[in-house]
Amino acid sequence: MNKLMRIVVGAVAFFGYIGVGAFHAQALETEKSTVASADNTTKQEEAPSAFLASEIPVKSVDLSKKKDTPALKNDKATKNVESKQTQQNVERTLQVEATAYTANCDGCIGITKTGINLLENPNKKVIAVDPSVIPLGSIVHVEGYGKAVAGDIGSAIQGNRIDVFIPNRSNALDFGRRHDVTVKILEEA
């Protein structure tokens, strides 16, 4: 029994006062509080002030007056629904190494493997891919580039590598080589 008492005392010391008396508190002092009665009279009462593990704030509510407040739009819930819809449209996500290319260079003809003329469509978002990883014709979202079509290939584009089309040569060079770029395949061809 002595061992059991030590365990109980240890638990009480460790977890605080718990058990049968957890909902009872000892009155340490009294406070005066104003109480409104149903007949609109007020009176002073002495209420015991108790010491609990944490104080619970008390909020008074006047039920005689009803407030008409318009329902607030829950933007967070709306964003979560939109986010889930976008996530449901993602068929596959992968991490790639990304570089950039341009069609405005010596020897460049400006026509992709799938026939897109980049010189006539300089604002078209196109990426070069390894067709065994991302099939040609797939619609993707590339982190830091946006929504694009997998419409070209390249001799150096093998495995988890992509080339993003940027019409301006200087901007393509500024893009540089980026590691761990997220590509979300939205529609796989």
N, C-alpha and C. Protein backbone atom coordinates (compact mmCIF):
# COMPACT_ATOMS: atom_id res chain seq x y z
N MET A 1 0.81 -1.19 0.00
CA MET A 1 0.00 0.00 0.00
C MET A 1 0.87 1.26 0.00
N ASN A 2 1.99 1.21 0.68
CA ASN A 2 2.89 2.34 0.75
C ASN A 2 3.39 2.73 -0.64
N LYS A 3 3.69 1.74 -1.48
CA LYS A 3 4.15 1.98 -2.85
C LYS A 3 3.05 2.64 -3.68
N LEU A 4 1.82 2.19 -3.49
CA LEU A 4 0.67 2.76 -4.20
C LEU A 4 0.49 4.23 -3.82
N MET A 5 0.64 4.56 -2.56
CA MET A 5 0.50 5.94 -2.10
C MET A 5 1.55 6.84 -2.74
N ARG A 6 2.78 6.34 -2.86
CA ARG A 6 3.84 7.13 -3.48
C ARG A 6 3.53 7.39 -4.95
N ILE A 7 2.95 6.40 -5.62
CA ILE A 7 2.59 6.57 -7.04
C ILE A 7 1.50 7.62 -7.18
N VAL A 8 0.48 7.54 -6.32
CA VAL A 8 -0.62 8.50 -6.37
C VAL A 8 -0.12 9.91 -6.07
N VAL A 9 0.69 10.06 -5.03
CA VAL A 9 1.23 11.37 -4.67
C VAL A 9 2.10 11.90 -5.81
N GLY A 10 2.89 11.04 -6.40
CA GLY A 10 3.74 11.46 -7.53
C GLY A 10 2.90 11.91 -8.71
N ALA A 11 1.84 11.18 -9.02
CA ALA A 11 0.96 11.55 -10.13
C ALA A 11 0.28 12.87 -9.87
N VAL A 12 -0.18 13.07 -8.64
CA VAL A 12 -0.84 14.33 -8.29
C VAL A 12 0.15 15.48 -8.41
N ALA A 13 1.37 15.29 -7.96
CA ALA A 13 2.39 16.33 -8.05
C ALA A 13 2.75 16.61 -9.50
N PHE A 14 2.81 15.57 -10.32
CA PHE A 14 3.20 15.72 -11.72
C PHE A 14 2.07 16.31 -12.56
N PHE A 15 0.87 15.79 -12.45
CA PHE A 15 -0.24 16.21 -13.29
C PHE A 15 -1.09 17.31 -12.67
N GLY A 16 -0.87 17.64 -11.44
CA GLY A 16 -1.72 18.61 -10.76
C GLY A 16 -2.85 17.89 -10.06
N TYR A 17 -3.73 18.65 -9.47
CA TYR A 17 -4.83 18.07 -8.71
C TYR A 17 -5.85 17.50 -9.68
N ILE A 18 -5.99 16.18 -9.71
CA ILE A 18 -6.93 15.51 -10.61
C ILE A 18 -7.75 14.53 -9.82
N GLY A 19 -8.75 13.98 -10.44
CA GLY A 19 -9.52 12.93 -9.79
C GLY A 19 -10.88 13.41 -9.37
N VAL A 20 -11.41 12.82 -8.30
CA VAL A 20 -12.77 13.09 -7.84
C VAL A 20 -12.97 14.55 -7.53
N GLY A 21 -12.01 15.17 -6.91
CA GLY A 21 -12.16 16.56 -6.50
C GLY A 21 -11.75 17.55 -7.58
N ALA A 22 -11.55 17.13 -8.81
CA ALA A 22 -11.08 18.02 -9.86
C ALA A 22 -12.05 19.14 -10.16
N PHE A 23 -13.34 18.91 -9.94
CA PHE A 23 -14.33 19.92 -10.27
C PHE A 23 -14.68 20.78 -9.06
N HIS A 24 -14.09 20.50 -7.92
CA HIS A 24 -14.33 21.29 -6.72
C HIS A 24 -13.13 22.20 -6.51
N ALA A 25 -13.42 23.40 -6.07
CA ALA A 25 -12.33 24.33 -5.80
C ALA A 25 -12.55 24.95 -4.43
N GLN A 26 -11.48 25.33 -3.83
CA GLN A 26 -11.55 25.91 -2.51
C GLN A 26 -11.69 27.42 -2.65
N ALA A 27 -12.61 28.00 -1.91
CA ALA A 27 -12.80 29.45 -1.97
C ALA A 27 -11.65 30.12 -1.24
N LEU A 28 -10.99 31.04 -1.91
CA LEU A 28 -9.87 31.74 -1.30
C LEU A 28 -10.30 33.11 -0.79
N GLU A 29 -11.19 33.75 -1.50
CA GLU A 29 -11.68 35.04 -1.09
C GLU A 29 -13.03 35.25 -1.75
N THR A 30 -13.71 36.33 -1.45
CA THR A 30 -15.01 36.60 -2.07
C THR A 30 -14.91 37.86 -2.89
N GLU A 31 -15.75 37.91 -3.93
CA GLU A 31 -15.81 39.08 -4.79
C GLU A 31 -17.25 39.55 -4.83
N LYS A 32 -17.43 40.83 -5.05
CA LYS A 32 -18.78 41.36 -5.22
C LYS A 32 -19.07 41.36 -6.71
N SER A 33 -20.27 40.94 -7.08
CA SER A 33 -20.67 40.96 -8.48
C SER A 33 -22.09 41.46 -8.58
N THR A 34 -22.40 42.10 -9.68
CA THR A 34 -23.74 42.61 -9.91
C THR A 34 -24.50 41.59 -10.72
N VAL A 35 -25.71 41.26 -10.25
CA VAL A 35 -26.53 40.27 -10.92
C VAL A 35 -27.84 40.93 -11.30
N ALA A 36 -28.23 40.80 -12.57
CA ALA A 36 -29.51 41.34 -13.03
C ALA A 36 -30.55 40.26 -12.94
N SER A 37 -31.69 40.62 -12.39
CA SER A 37 -32.77 39.63 -12.29
C SER A 37 -33.76 39.85 -13.42
N ALA A 38 -34.74 38.96 -13.52
CA ALA A 38 -35.72 39.01 -14.60
C ALA A 38 -36.58 40.27 -14.52
N ASP A 39 -36.78 40.85 -13.34
CA ASP A 39 -37.63 42.04 -13.20
C ASP A 39 -36.83 43.34 -13.32
N ASN A 40 -35.67 43.29 -13.98
CA ASN A 40 -34.79 44.43 -14.26
C ASN A 40 -34.25 45.12 -13.01
N THR A 41 -34.19 44.44 -11.89
CA THR A 41 -33.56 45.00 -10.71
C THR A 41 -32.18 44.39 -10.57
N THR A 42 -31.30 45.12 -9.96
CA THR A 42 -29.96 44.60 -9.77
C THR A 42 -29.67 44.49 -8.29
N LYS A 43 -28.81 43.56 -7.95
CA LYS A 43 -28.42 43.41 -6.55
C LYS A 43 -26.97 42.98 -6.49
N GLN A 44 -26.33 43.27 -5.40
CA GLN A 44 -24.95 42.88 -5.18
C GLN A 44 -24.92 41.52 -4.51
N GLU A 45 -24.11 40.63 -5.02
CA GLU A 45 -23.94 39.32 -4.41
C GLU A 45 -22.47 39.09 -4.15
N GLU A 46 -22.20 38.32 -3.14
CA GLU A 46 -20.83 37.91 -2.91
C GLU A 46 -20.66 36.56 -3.57
N ALA A 47 -19.69 36.47 -4.43
CA ALA A 47 -19.43 35.22 -5.13
C ALA A 47 -18.05 34.73 -4.75
N PRO A 48 -17.92 33.46 -4.47
CA PRO A 48 -16.60 32.95 -4.11
C PRO A 48 -15.67 33.00 -5.31
N SER A 49 -14.45 33.38 -5.06
CA SER A 49 -13.43 33.36 -6.09
C SER A 49 -12.61 32.10 -5.86
N ALA A 50 -12.44 31.33 -6.87
CA ALA A 50 -11.78 30.03 -6.71
C ALA A 50 -10.47 30.00 -7.45
N PHE A 51 -9.58 29.19 -6.99
CA PHE A 51 -8.32 28.96 -7.65
C PHE A 51 -8.45 27.69 -8.47
N LEU A 52 -8.33 27.81 -9.78
CA LEU A 52 -8.35 26.65 -10.66
C LEU A 52 -7.04 26.61 -11.43
N ALA A 53 -6.82 25.52 -12.14
CA ALA A 53 -5.60 25.39 -12.93
C ALA A 53 -5.51 26.49 -13.96
N SER A 54 -6.64 26.87 -14.53
CA SER A 54 -6.66 27.99 -15.46
C SER A 54 -7.95 28.74 -15.27
N GLU A 55 -7.92 30.05 -15.43
CA GLU A 55 -9.12 30.84 -15.26
C GLU A 55 -9.92 30.83 -16.55
N ILE A 56 -11.22 30.72 -16.41
CA ILE A 56 -12.11 30.69 -17.56
C ILE A 56 -12.83 32.02 -17.62
N PRO A 57 -12.68 32.77 -18.72
CA PRO A 57 -13.35 34.06 -18.81
C PRO A 57 -14.87 33.85 -18.93
N VAL A 58 -15.63 34.74 -18.29
CA VAL A 58 -17.08 34.66 -18.33
C VAL A 58 -17.58 35.83 -19.13
N LYS A 59 -18.44 35.57 -20.10
CA LYS A 59 -18.98 36.60 -20.96
C LYS A 59 -20.48 36.67 -20.73
N SER A 60 -20.99 37.88 -20.48
CA SER A 60 -22.43 38.01 -20.29
C SER A 60 -23.09 38.30 -21.62
N VAL A 61 -24.28 37.76 -21.80
CA VAL A 61 -25.01 37.91 -23.05
C VAL A 61 -26.41 38.42 -22.73
N ASP A 62 -26.83 39.47 -23.42
CA ASP A 62 -28.18 39.99 -23.25
C ASP A 62 -29.05 39.33 -24.32
N LEU A 63 -29.94 38.45 -23.89
CA LEU A 63 -30.78 37.71 -24.82
C LEU A 63 -32.05 38.46 -25.20
N SER A 64 -32.30 39.61 -24.56
CA SER A 64 -33.53 40.34 -24.86
C SER A 64 -33.44 41.09 -26.18
N LYS A 65 -32.24 41.40 -26.64
CA LYS A 65 -32.06 42.11 -27.90
C LYS A 65 -31.40 41.19 -28.91
N LYS A 66 -32.01 41.13 -30.09
CA LYS A 66 -31.45 40.28 -31.15
C LYS A 66 -30.77 41.19 -32.16
N LYS A 67 -29.56 40.87 -32.49
CA LYS A 67 -28.81 41.64 -33.47
C LYS A 67 -28.96 40.99 -34.83
N ASP A 68 -29.26 41.81 -35.84
CA ASP A 68 -29.31 41.30 -37.20
C ASP A 68 -27.96 41.58 -37.84
N THR A 69 -27.18 40.53 -38.04
CA THR A 69 -25.87 40.68 -38.67
C THR A 69 -25.84 39.82 -39.92
N PRO A 70 -25.34 40.37 -41.01
CA PRO A 70 -25.26 39.55 -42.23
C PRO A 70 -24.22 38.45 -42.07
N ALA A 71 -24.47 37.36 -42.75
CA ALA A 71 -23.52 36.24 -42.69
C ALA A 71 -22.23 36.66 -43.37
N LEU A 72 -21.13 36.36 -42.74
CA LEU A 72 -19.83 36.70 -43.30
C LEU A 72 -19.37 35.61 -44.23
N LYS A 73 -18.73 36.01 -45.32
CA LYS A 73 -18.20 35.04 -46.27
C LYS A 73 -16.93 34.46 -45.68
N ASN A 74 -16.82 33.17 -45.71
CA ASN A 74 -15.65 32.49 -45.16
C ASN A 74 -14.63 32.32 -46.28
N ASP A 75 -13.71 33.31 -46.41
CA ASP A 75 -12.71 33.27 -47.49
C ASP A 75 -11.77 32.09 -47.35
N LYS A 76 -11.43 31.72 -46.12
CA LYS A 76 -10.50 30.61 -45.91
C LYS A 76 -11.11 29.31 -46.43
N ALA A 77 -12.40 29.10 -46.15
CA ALA A 77 -13.06 27.89 -46.62
C ALA A 77 -13.14 27.89 -48.15
N THR A 78 -13.41 29.06 -48.74
CA THR A 78 -13.48 29.16 -50.20
C THR A 78 -12.13 28.82 -50.82
N LYS A 79 -11.04 29.35 -50.24
CA LYS A 79 -9.70 29.06 -50.75
C LYS A 79 -9.37 27.58 -50.63
N ASN A 80 -9.78 26.96 -49.52
CA ASN A 80 -9.53 25.53 -49.34
C ASN A 80 -10.24 24.71 -50.39
N VAL A 81 -11.48 25.08 -50.74
CA VAL A 81 -12.23 24.35 -51.77
C VAL A 81 -11.53 24.51 -53.11
N GLU A 82 -11.12 25.76 -53.44
CA GLU A 82 -10.42 25.98 -54.70
C GLU A 82 -9.11 25.21 -54.74
N SER A 83 -8.38 25.20 -53.63
CA SER A 83 -7.12 24.48 -53.55
C SER A 83 -7.33 22.99 -53.76
N LYS A 84 -8.38 22.44 -53.14
CA LYS A 84 -8.66 21.01 -53.29
C LYS A 84 -9.04 20.69 -54.73
N GLN A 85 -9.79 21.60 -55.39
CA GLN A 85 -10.16 21.36 -56.77
C GLN A 85 -8.93 21.36 -57.66
N THR A 86 -7.99 22.28 -57.41
CA THR A 86 -6.75 22.31 -58.18
C THR A 86 -5.95 21.04 -57.93
N GLN A 87 -5.88 20.61 -56.66
CA GLN A 87 -5.13 19.40 -56.34
C GLN A 87 -5.76 18.18 -57.01
N GLN A 88 -7.08 18.15 -57.14
CA GLN A 88 -7.74 17.02 -57.75
C GLN A 88 -7.43 16.96 -59.24
N ASN A 89 -7.16 18.14 -59.86
CA ASN A 89 -6.86 18.18 -61.29
C ASN A 89 -5.42 17.79 -61.60
N VAL A 90 -4.58 17.69 -60.59
CA VAL A 90 -3.17 17.33 -60.80
C VAL A 90 -3.08 15.81 -60.91
N GLU A 91 -2.61 15.35 -62.06
CA GLU A 91 -2.46 13.91 -62.26
C GLU A 91 -1.18 13.37 -61.64
N ARG A 92 -0.13 14.20 -61.71
CA ARG A 92 1.18 13.77 -61.22
C ARG A 92 2.01 15.00 -60.89
N THR A 93 2.89 14.89 -59.90
CA THR A 93 3.81 15.98 -59.56
C THR A 93 5.21 15.41 -59.52
N LEU A 94 6.17 16.17 -60.10
CA LEU A 94 7.56 15.71 -60.05
C LEU A 94 8.50 16.88 -59.89
N GLN A 95 9.68 16.59 -59.42
CA GLN A 95 10.74 17.57 -59.24
C GLN A 95 11.70 17.43 -60.42
N VAL A 96 12.03 18.56 -61.04
CA VAL A 96 12.90 18.53 -62.21
C VAL A 96 13.99 19.59 -62.10
N GLU A 97 14.94 19.48 -63.00
CA GLU A 97 15.94 20.53 -63.19
C GLU A 97 15.48 21.31 -64.41
N ALA A 98 15.43 22.63 -64.31
CA ALA A 98 14.91 23.45 -65.40
C ALA A 98 15.96 24.41 -65.93
N THR A 99 16.00 24.52 -67.25
CA THR A 99 16.81 25.52 -67.94
C THR A 99 15.87 26.22 -68.92
N ALA A 100 16.38 27.21 -69.64
CA ALA A 100 15.54 27.95 -70.58
C ALA A 100 16.17 27.94 -71.97
N TYR A 101 15.30 28.06 -72.97
CA TYR A 101 15.79 28.18 -74.34
C TYR A 101 14.98 29.24 -75.07
N THR A 102 15.50 29.67 -76.21
CA THR A 102 14.83 30.70 -77.01
C THR A 102 14.82 30.27 -78.47
N ALA A 103 13.93 30.87 -79.24
CA ALA A 103 13.86 30.56 -80.67
C ALA A 103 14.54 31.65 -81.49
N ASN A 104 15.02 32.67 -80.82
CA ASN A 104 15.67 33.79 -81.50
C ASN A 104 17.19 33.66 -81.42
N CYS A 105 17.73 32.74 -82.19
CA CYS A 105 19.18 32.54 -82.20
C CYS A 105 19.60 32.06 -83.59
N ASP A 106 20.89 32.13 -83.88
CA ASP A 106 21.39 31.65 -85.16
C ASP A 106 21.18 30.15 -85.25
N GLY A 107 20.58 29.69 -86.32
CA GLY A 107 20.36 28.27 -86.53
C GLY A 107 19.05 27.76 -85.94
N CYS A 108 18.34 28.60 -85.20
CA CYS A 108 17.05 28.19 -84.62
C CYS A 108 15.96 28.39 -85.67
N ILE A 109 15.13 27.38 -85.85
CA ILE A 109 14.04 27.51 -86.82
C ILE A 109 12.75 27.98 -86.15
N GLY A 110 12.64 27.80 -84.83
CA GLY A 110 11.49 28.31 -84.10
C GLY A 110 10.25 27.45 -84.16
N ILE A 111 10.36 26.22 -84.67
CA ILE A 111 9.21 25.32 -84.73
C ILE A 111 9.51 24.12 -83.84
N THR A 112 8.59 23.83 -82.93
CA THR A 112 8.79 22.76 -81.96
C THR A 112 8.51 21.39 -82.58
N LYS A 113 8.82 20.36 -81.85
CA LYS A 113 8.59 18.97 -82.28
C LYS A 113 7.11 18.73 -82.59
N THR A 114 6.21 19.42 -81.87
CA THR A 114 4.78 19.23 -82.10
C THR A 114 4.21 20.22 -83.11
N GLY A 115 5.09 21.06 -83.71
CA GLY A 115 4.66 21.97 -84.77
C GLY A 115 4.27 23.37 -84.33
N ILE A 116 4.53 23.73 -83.10
CA ILE A 116 4.21 25.09 -82.63
C ILE A 116 5.27 26.04 -83.16
N ASN A 117 4.85 27.12 -83.84
CA ASN A 117 5.78 28.11 -84.35
C ASN A 117 5.99 29.17 -83.26
N LEU A 118 7.15 29.10 -82.63
CA LEU A 118 7.45 30.00 -81.52
C LEU A 118 7.77 31.42 -81.98
N LEU A 119 8.20 31.58 -83.24
CA LEU A 119 8.47 32.92 -83.76
C LEU A 119 7.17 33.67 -84.01
N GLU A 120 6.13 32.95 -84.42
CA GLU A 120 4.81 33.55 -84.64
C GLU A 120 4.02 33.66 -83.33
N ASN A 121 4.35 32.85 -82.35
CA ASN A 121 3.65 32.82 -81.06
C ASN A 121 4.64 33.01 -79.91
N PRO A 122 5.27 34.19 -79.81
CA PRO A 122 6.32 34.37 -78.80
C PRO A 122 5.80 34.34 -77.35
N ASN A 123 4.50 34.54 -77.16
CA ASN A 123 3.95 34.53 -75.80
C ASN A 123 3.42 33.16 -75.38
N LYS A 124 3.53 32.18 -76.27
CA LYS A 124 3.07 30.83 -75.96
C LYS A 124 4.02 30.21 -74.94
N LYS A 125 3.43 29.61 -73.90
CA LYS A 125 4.24 28.94 -72.87
C LYS A 125 4.45 27.49 -73.30
N VAL A 126 5.68 27.15 -73.63
CA VAL A 126 6.03 25.82 -74.12
C VAL A 126 7.25 25.33 -73.35
N ILE A 127 7.26 24.03 -73.04
CA ILE A 127 8.45 23.45 -72.43
C ILE A 127 8.92 22.27 -73.27
N ALA A 128 10.23 22.06 -73.25
CA ALA A 128 10.82 20.88 -73.89
C ALA A 128 10.97 19.83 -72.80
N VAL A 129 10.62 18.59 -73.14
CA VAL A 129 10.59 17.50 -72.14
C VAL A 129 11.21 16.24 -72.70
N ASP A 130 11.45 15.29 -71.82
CA ASP A 130 11.75 13.92 -72.22
C ASP A 130 10.38 13.24 -72.31
N PRO A 131 9.95 12.86 -73.53
CA PRO A 131 8.61 12.30 -73.69
C PRO A 131 8.35 11.02 -72.89
N SER A 132 9.41 10.35 -72.44
CA SER A 132 9.19 9.16 -71.61
C SER A 132 8.83 9.54 -70.17
N VAL A 133 9.10 10.79 -69.78
CA VAL A 133 8.77 11.28 -68.44
C VAL A 133 7.48 12.10 -68.47
N ILE A 134 7.41 13.06 -69.38
CA ILE A 134 6.21 13.88 -69.58
C ILE A 134 5.84 13.76 -71.06
N PRO A 135 4.72 13.12 -71.36
CA PRO A 135 4.33 12.94 -72.77
C PRO A 135 4.11 14.28 -73.49
N LEU A 136 4.52 14.33 -74.76
CA LEU A 136 4.29 15.52 -75.57
C LEU A 136 2.79 15.80 -75.65
N GLY A 137 2.43 17.08 -75.58
CA GLY A 137 1.03 17.47 -75.63
C GLY A 137 0.40 17.61 -74.25
N SER A 138 1.11 17.22 -73.20
CA SER A 138 0.58 17.34 -71.84
C SER A 138 0.53 18.80 -71.42
N ILE A 139 -0.48 19.13 -70.60
CA ILE A 139 -0.59 20.47 -70.03
C ILE A 139 -0.01 20.39 -68.62
N VAL A 140 0.91 21.31 -68.32
CA VAL A 140 1.62 21.27 -67.04
C VAL A 140 1.61 22.65 -66.38
N HIS A 141 1.92 22.66 -65.10
CA HIS A 141 2.18 23.92 -64.39
C HIS A 141 3.60 23.82 -63.85
N VAL A 142 4.45 24.76 -64.28
CA VAL A 142 5.85 24.78 -63.87
C VAL A 142 6.03 25.90 -62.85
N GLU A 143 6.56 25.54 -61.69
CA GLU A 143 6.83 26.51 -60.63
C GLU A 143 7.73 27.62 -61.16
N GLY A 144 7.31 28.87 -61.01
CA GLY A 144 8.10 30.01 -61.46
C GLY A 144 7.97 30.32 -62.94
N TYR A 145 7.15 29.57 -63.69
CA TYR A 145 6.96 29.79 -65.12
C TYR A 145 5.47 29.87 -65.46
N GLY A 146 4.67 29.01 -64.85
CA GLY A 146 3.23 29.03 -65.09
C GLY A 146 2.75 27.82 -65.87
N LYS A 147 1.53 27.96 -66.39
CA LYS A 147 0.89 26.88 -67.14
C LYS A 147 1.47 26.84 -68.55
N ALA A 148 1.83 25.65 -68.99
CA ALA A 148 2.48 25.50 -70.29
C ALA A 148 2.10 24.17 -70.93
N VAL A 149 2.47 24.04 -72.19
CA VAL A 149 2.25 22.78 -72.90
C VAL A 149 3.61 22.12 -73.13
N ALA A 150 3.65 20.80 -72.95
CA ALA A 150 4.88 20.05 -73.24
C ALA A 150 4.88 19.83 -74.75
N GLY A 151 5.56 20.74 -75.47
CA GLY A 151 5.47 20.73 -76.92
C GLY A 151 6.77 20.58 -77.66
N ASP A 152 7.86 20.32 -76.97
CA ASP A 152 9.15 20.24 -77.65
C ASP A 152 10.04 19.23 -76.94
N ILE A 153 11.11 18.85 -77.64
CA ILE A 153 12.11 17.95 -77.07
C ILE A 153 13.47 18.62 -77.27
N GLY A 154 14.49 18.06 -76.67
CA GLY A 154 15.84 18.57 -76.86
C GLY A 154 16.82 17.45 -76.61
N SER A 155 17.96 17.50 -77.28
CA SER A 155 18.94 16.42 -77.15
C SER A 155 19.47 16.30 -75.72
N ALA A 156 19.56 17.43 -75.01
CA ALA A 156 20.08 17.40 -73.63
C ALA A 156 18.96 17.22 -72.60
N ILE A 157 17.72 17.18 -73.06
CA ILE A 157 16.58 17.06 -72.14
C ILE A 157 16.25 15.59 -71.98
N GLN A 158 16.81 15.00 -70.94
CA GLN A 158 16.60 13.57 -70.67
C GLN A 158 16.29 13.39 -69.19
N GLY A 159 15.38 12.47 -68.90
CA GLY A 159 15.00 12.22 -67.51
C GLY A 159 14.19 13.38 -66.95
N ASN A 160 14.46 13.71 -65.71
CA ASN A 160 13.71 14.79 -65.04
C ASN A 160 14.36 16.14 -65.30
N ARG A 161 14.43 16.51 -66.56
CA ARG A 161 14.93 17.82 -66.98
C ARG A 161 13.92 18.42 -67.92
N ILE A 162 13.77 19.73 -67.85
CA ILE A 162 12.91 20.44 -68.80
C ILE A 162 13.63 21.70 -69.26
N ASP A 163 13.21 22.21 -70.39
CA ASP A 163 13.66 23.49 -70.93
C ASP A 163 12.40 24.34 -71.10
N VAL A 164 12.36 25.52 -70.52
CA VAL A 164 11.21 26.40 -70.68
C VAL A 164 11.51 27.40 -71.79
N PHE A 165 10.51 27.65 -72.65
CA PHE A 165 10.70 28.60 -73.74
C PHE A 165 10.52 30.02 -73.21
N ILE A 166 11.55 30.85 -73.46
CA ILE A 166 11.50 32.28 -73.14
C ILE A 166 11.92 33.01 -74.41
N PRO A 167 11.05 33.88 -74.96
CA PRO A 167 11.33 34.49 -76.26
C PRO A 167 12.59 35.36 -76.31
N ASN A 168 12.90 36.06 -75.24
CA ASN A 168 14.04 36.97 -75.22
C ASN A 168 15.29 36.23 -74.76
N ARG A 169 16.35 36.30 -75.56
CA ARG A 169 17.59 35.57 -75.26
C ARG A 169 18.19 35.98 -73.91
N SER A 170 18.20 37.27 -73.62
CA SER A 170 18.75 37.77 -72.36
C SER A 170 17.97 37.21 -71.16
N ASN A 171 16.64 37.20 -71.27
CA ASN A 171 15.81 36.66 -70.18
C ASN A 171 16.00 35.15 -70.04
N ALA A 172 16.22 34.48 -71.16
CA ALA A 172 16.46 33.03 -71.11
C ALA A 172 17.77 32.74 -70.38
N LEU A 173 18.80 33.55 -70.65
CA LEU A 173 20.08 33.38 -69.95
C LEU A 173 19.94 33.72 -68.46
N ASP A 174 19.13 34.73 -68.15
CA ASP A 174 18.90 35.10 -66.75
C ASP A 174 18.17 34.00 -65.98
N PHE A 175 17.35 33.22 -66.67
CA PHE A 175 16.62 32.13 -66.02
C PHE A 175 17.61 31.14 -65.40
N GLY A 176 18.70 30.90 -66.13
CA GLY A 176 19.77 30.04 -65.61
C GLY A 176 19.36 28.58 -65.48
N ARG A 177 19.98 27.89 -64.55
CA ARG A 177 19.69 26.48 -64.25
C ARG A 177 19.09 26.43 -62.85
N ARG A 178 17.88 25.87 -62.76
CA ARG A 178 17.18 25.80 -61.47
C ARG A 178 16.95 24.34 -61.09
N HIS A 179 17.30 24.04 -59.86
CA HIS A 179 17.15 22.67 -59.35
C HIS A 179 15.87 22.56 -58.53
N ASP A 180 15.34 21.36 -58.43
CA ASP A 180 14.15 21.06 -57.62
C ASP A 180 12.96 21.96 -57.95
N VAL A 181 12.69 22.11 -59.23
CA VAL A 181 11.51 22.86 -59.69
C VAL A 181 10.33 21.89 -59.72
N THR A 182 9.21 22.30 -59.16
CA THR A 182 8.01 21.45 -59.12
C THR A 182 7.23 21.60 -60.41
N VAL A 183 6.95 20.46 -61.04
CA VAL A 183 6.10 20.42 -62.24
C VAL A 183 4.88 19.60 -61.90
N LYS A 184 3.71 20.21 -62.09
CA LYS A 184 2.44 19.51 -61.87
C LYS A 184 1.85 19.20 -63.23
N ILE A 185 1.63 17.94 -63.50
CA ILE A 185 1.01 17.55 -64.77
C ILE A 185 -0.49 17.62 -64.58
N LEU A 186 -1.12 18.60 -65.26
CA LEU A 186 -2.55 18.83 -65.11
C LEU A 186 -3.36 17.92 -66.03
N GLU A 187 -2.90 17.77 -67.27
CA GLU A 187 -3.55 16.89 -68.24
C GLU A 187 -2.47 16.12 -68.98
N GLU A 188 -2.41 14.84 -68.75
CA GLU A 188 -1.39 14.03 -69.40
C GLU A 188 -1.91 13.58 -70.76
N ALA A 189 -1.10 13.79 -71.80
CA ALA A 189 -1.51 13.41 -73.16
C ALA A 189 -1.31 11.92 -73.39
